[in-house]
Every structure is written in C-alpha cells, then in structure tokens.
Protein backbone atom coordinates (compact mmCIF):
# COMPACT_ATOMS: atom_id res chain seq x y z
CA MET A 1 163.49 114.14 109.89
CA MET A 2 165.83 114.06 113.31
CA ASP A 3 167.49 110.89 113.86
CA TYR A 4 167.06 110.56 117.28
CA GLN A 5 167.87 106.99 117.65
CA ALA A 6 171.40 107.95 116.87
CA ILE A 7 171.64 110.02 119.86
CA ILE A 8 170.30 107.31 122.25
CA ASP A 9 172.20 104.52 120.64
CA LYS A 10 175.39 106.87 121.33
CA TYR A 11 174.34 107.11 125.33
CA TYR A 12 172.69 104.19 125.79
CA PRO A 13 174.89 100.84 124.90
CA ALA A 14 173.02 97.87 123.62
CA GLY A 15 171.96 95.06 125.97
CA THR A 16 171.99 97.46 128.89
CA LYS A 17 169.20 97.38 131.38
CA CYS A 18 169.20 101.10 131.54
CA ARG A 19 168.58 101.40 128.02
CA GLY A 20 165.84 98.69 127.82
CA ILE A 21 164.30 100.87 130.58
CA PHE A 22 164.94 104.07 128.67
CA ILE A 23 163.32 102.91 125.19
CA LEU A 24 160.38 101.41 126.99
CA HIS A 25 159.25 104.46 128.96
CA SER A 26 160.35 106.72 125.72
CA ARG A 27 158.34 104.65 123.50
CA GLN A 28 155.41 104.71 126.03
CA VAL A 29 155.41 108.68 126.44
CA ALA A 30 155.88 109.02 122.26
CA ASP A 31 152.82 106.67 121.75
CA LYS A 32 151.15 108.44 124.00
CA ALA A 33 151.76 112.13 122.80
CA LEU A 34 151.43 110.81 119.47
CA GLU A 35 147.81 109.79 120.12
CA THR A 36 146.87 112.81 122.03
CA ALA A 37 148.21 115.21 119.00
CA ARG A 38 146.36 113.50 116.65
CA ARG A 39 142.91 113.55 118.54
CA CYS A 40 143.42 117.08 119.44
CA ASN A 41 144.42 117.86 116.13
CA LEU A 42 147.42 119.38 117.59
CA ASP A 43 149.44 121.66 114.95
CA ILE A 44 152.81 120.21 115.64
CA PRO A 45 154.81 117.84 113.09
CA LEU A 46 154.41 114.32 114.53
CA ASP A 47 158.01 113.26 113.80
CA ILE A 48 158.88 116.45 116.01
CA VAL A 49 156.66 114.98 118.94
CA GLU A 50 157.88 111.64 118.41
CA ALA A 51 161.49 112.68 118.65
CA ALA A 52 161.20 115.02 121.54
CA ALA A 53 159.26 112.19 123.30
CA MET A 54 162.04 109.47 122.75
CA LEU A 55 164.54 112.28 124.13
CA HIS A 56 162.96 113.78 126.70
CA ASP A 57 164.51 111.59 129.58
CA ILE A 58 167.95 111.49 127.68
CA GLY A 59 169.86 112.99 131.02
CA ILE A 60 168.73 109.91 133.28
CA PHE A 61 172.28 108.07 132.74
CA LEU A 62 173.69 110.83 134.45
CA THR A 63 172.09 110.59 137.35
CA ASN A 64 172.38 107.81 140.39
CA ALA A 65 169.12 105.99 139.74
CA PRO A 66 169.88 102.52 140.63
CA ASP A 67 166.39 101.23 140.82
CA ILE A 68 166.30 102.36 136.98
CA GLU A 69 169.97 101.10 136.54
CA CYS A 70 171.39 104.36 136.12
CA HIS A 71 174.76 104.59 137.90
CA GLY A 72 175.74 108.14 137.04
CA SER A 73 176.65 110.81 140.00
CA GLU A 74 173.81 113.61 139.85
CA HIS A 75 170.90 113.82 141.71
CA TYR A 76 167.43 112.11 139.62
CA ILE A 77 165.82 115.78 139.44
CA CYS A 78 168.72 117.18 137.57
CA HIS A 79 168.18 114.57 134.67
CA GLY A 80 166.01 117.25 132.57
CA ILE A 81 168.31 119.84 132.75
CA LEU A 82 171.50 117.48 132.23
CA GLY A 83 169.51 116.06 128.91
CA ALA A 84 168.72 119.57 127.87
CA ASP A 85 172.50 120.17 128.07
CA LEU A 86 173.35 117.34 126.22
CA LEU A 87 171.00 117.65 123.47
CA ARG A 88 172.31 120.93 122.77
CA GLN A 89 175.75 120.06 122.74
CA GLU A 90 174.78 117.35 120.23
CA GLY A 91 173.20 120.11 117.83
CA VAL A 92 169.79 119.33 118.70
CA ASP A 93 166.80 121.76 117.63
CA GLU A 94 166.38 124.18 120.91
CA ALA A 95 162.70 123.26 121.01
CA ILE A 96 163.29 119.31 122.01
CA ALA A 97 166.17 120.25 124.08
CA ARG A 98 163.52 122.08 126.05
CA VAL A 99 161.27 119.53 126.63
CA ALA A 100 164.13 117.65 128.03
CA GLU A 101 164.63 120.85 130.46
CA ARG A 102 160.91 121.48 131.26
CA HIS A 103 159.20 118.31 131.42
CA THR A 104 159.96 117.18 134.98
CA GLY A 105 156.61 116.77 137.30
CA ALA A 106 154.43 119.11 135.64
CA GLY A 107 157.15 121.87 135.33
CA LEU A 108 158.95 123.19 138.26
CA THR A 109 159.03 126.80 139.45
CA ILE A 110 161.37 128.71 141.67
CA ASP A 111 158.92 128.39 144.53
CA ASP A 112 158.94 124.44 143.82
CA ILE A 113 163.06 124.35 143.87
CA ASP A 114 163.21 126.70 147.24
CA ARG A 115 160.41 125.08 148.89
CA GLN A 116 161.52 121.08 148.00
CA GLN A 117 165.50 122.16 148.18
CA LEU A 118 166.28 121.07 144.70
CA PRO A 119 169.52 121.17 143.77
CA LEU A 120 168.58 122.89 140.47
CA PRO A 121 169.43 126.33 138.96
CA ARG A 122 167.12 128.87 140.48
CA LYS A 123 164.41 129.46 137.68
CA ASP A 124 160.98 128.43 136.54
CA TYR A 125 161.46 124.68 134.25
CA LEU A 126 157.90 125.29 133.31
CA PRO A 127 156.33 124.06 129.88
CA GLU A 128 155.65 126.96 127.49
CA THR A 129 155.04 125.60 124.18
CA MET A 130 152.74 123.40 123.00
CA LEU A 131 155.27 120.59 122.29
CA GLU A 132 156.50 121.12 125.69
CA LYS A 133 152.95 120.60 127.23
CA LEU A 134 152.39 117.47 125.39
CA ILE A 135 155.48 115.50 126.24
CA CYS A 136 155.00 116.56 129.96
CA TYR A 137 151.56 115.45 129.78
CA ALA A 138 152.06 111.93 128.53
CA ASP A 139 154.98 111.68 130.49
CA LYS A 140 152.83 111.51 133.64
CA PHE A 141 151.11 108.43 132.49
CA TYR A 142 154.30 106.18 132.37
CA SER A 143 157.07 105.42 135.24
CA LYS A 144 160.65 103.95 134.56
CA SER A 145 160.27 101.57 137.83
CA GLY A 146 157.63 99.05 138.85
CA THR A 147 155.35 97.48 136.05
CA MET A 148 155.91 100.45 134.08
CA GLN A 149 152.11 100.10 133.27
CA GLU A 150 149.85 103.04 132.07
CA LYS A 151 148.77 104.93 135.38
CA PRO A 152 145.52 105.71 136.24
CA LEU A 153 144.25 109.70 136.39
CA ASP A 154 143.89 109.14 139.91
CA LYS A 155 147.36 107.98 140.57
CA ILE A 156 149.07 110.32 138.63
CA ARG A 157 146.66 113.00 140.65
CA ALA A 158 147.61 111.62 144.04
CA SER A 159 151.27 111.84 143.03
CA MET A 160 150.97 115.47 142.04
CA ALA A 161 149.39 116.46 145.14
CA ARG A 162 152.19 114.97 147.35
CA HIS A 163 154.69 117.66 145.60
CA SER A 164 152.36 120.40 145.93
CA THR A 165 148.62 121.86 145.34
CA GLU A 166 150.29 124.07 142.72
CA SER A 167 151.52 120.82 140.92
CA LEU A 168 148.34 119.40 141.11
CA SER A 169 146.98 121.83 139.75
CA ARG A 170 149.54 122.22 136.77
CA PHE A 171 148.71 118.95 135.65
CA ASN A 172 144.84 119.50 136.05
CA GLU A 173 145.74 122.52 133.61
CA LEU A 174 147.43 120.08 131.12
CA HIS A 175 144.73 116.99 131.42
CA LYS A 176 141.86 119.93 130.78
CA LEU A 177 144.49 121.07 127.62
CA PHE A 178 144.48 117.36 126.17
CA LYS A 179 141.31 115.36 127.23
C-alpha cells in the first residue's frame, strides 16, 4: 500500500489552514469515491482509490488561491498538472499522477484550453481510465471553499454548464457511469 500521508505531510505542514482545507476536501472525495467504487463493484483496488483521491489536489499549495489559503505563484487551474509533476518526482505510480493531471472540471480538452485561454500546455486532459473517471466524478461533489458540504447534482450541473455545454455533457456521462 502506498503511503500517501507521507507525501501530504511533506508538502502540507501540520497546523496550517491550507493543510486543514486540503485534508478535509481530499477525505470527502476519498469517501465518495470509495462508496461509489463499492456500490458499482468497480474492479479497482480500494487502497489505490483512496490514495488517488487523497492526492488528486496535491498541487494546490503551488497556486495563488488565497481564499483556500494557498499562496503560491501559479494560476489555480494549473494545480492538476503541477500536482502530477510533483507526484512523478516523488515516484508515485503513474496511474495516480494521471488522476491529479486529469481531474479538473469534467476533464479539459484543447478546445476548452483555447476557448477559455487557460495557462495550460495545449493537450487533452480528459479522464480515460476508470480510476481517473471515478476521482474526477467524486471531486465534483465537494468544494475547497464555502461550507465544504456535499453539493447537490443541480448545483454541480449548473457549475459545469457555466464552463461549457461540453463540460456538462462530460459530467453527465460520468454520472450515468457511476449513479
């Protein structure tokens, strides 16, 4: 089993607000992903599901998102690719690094990057494996700001629709897969 906690402890110092937000959000996503994996009888080891969920947002501390106590210099949308790079440097399994890289939104396409003028390398970041899809889906139910309570489907769908009809469609496909 992978020691995801050692990686968290390395980058999120004890007693910091950022760590508290990060761990609460990650635990919520992990619990949702584990419940979904069990309910849907997914053929993914549950320890891998938990590790991927706990590490999917590992790159947020590198971003400038003061509302969630992140005081880095990078644009928040980059947290996925930054986290994936960090996980690869730590020697984490590529399957988990790809979850970090591909969980943002309901996945991102080159068209999304171009249309929204996102500061990301031009490539598709769509979840492809069942693990990537599962964590991407579970992540949509929780925010790292506000009340941090589970969001109802209508609020998730409204948020996805604000980005694009394609984003909403991708979320709806994930929901069909996991409902």
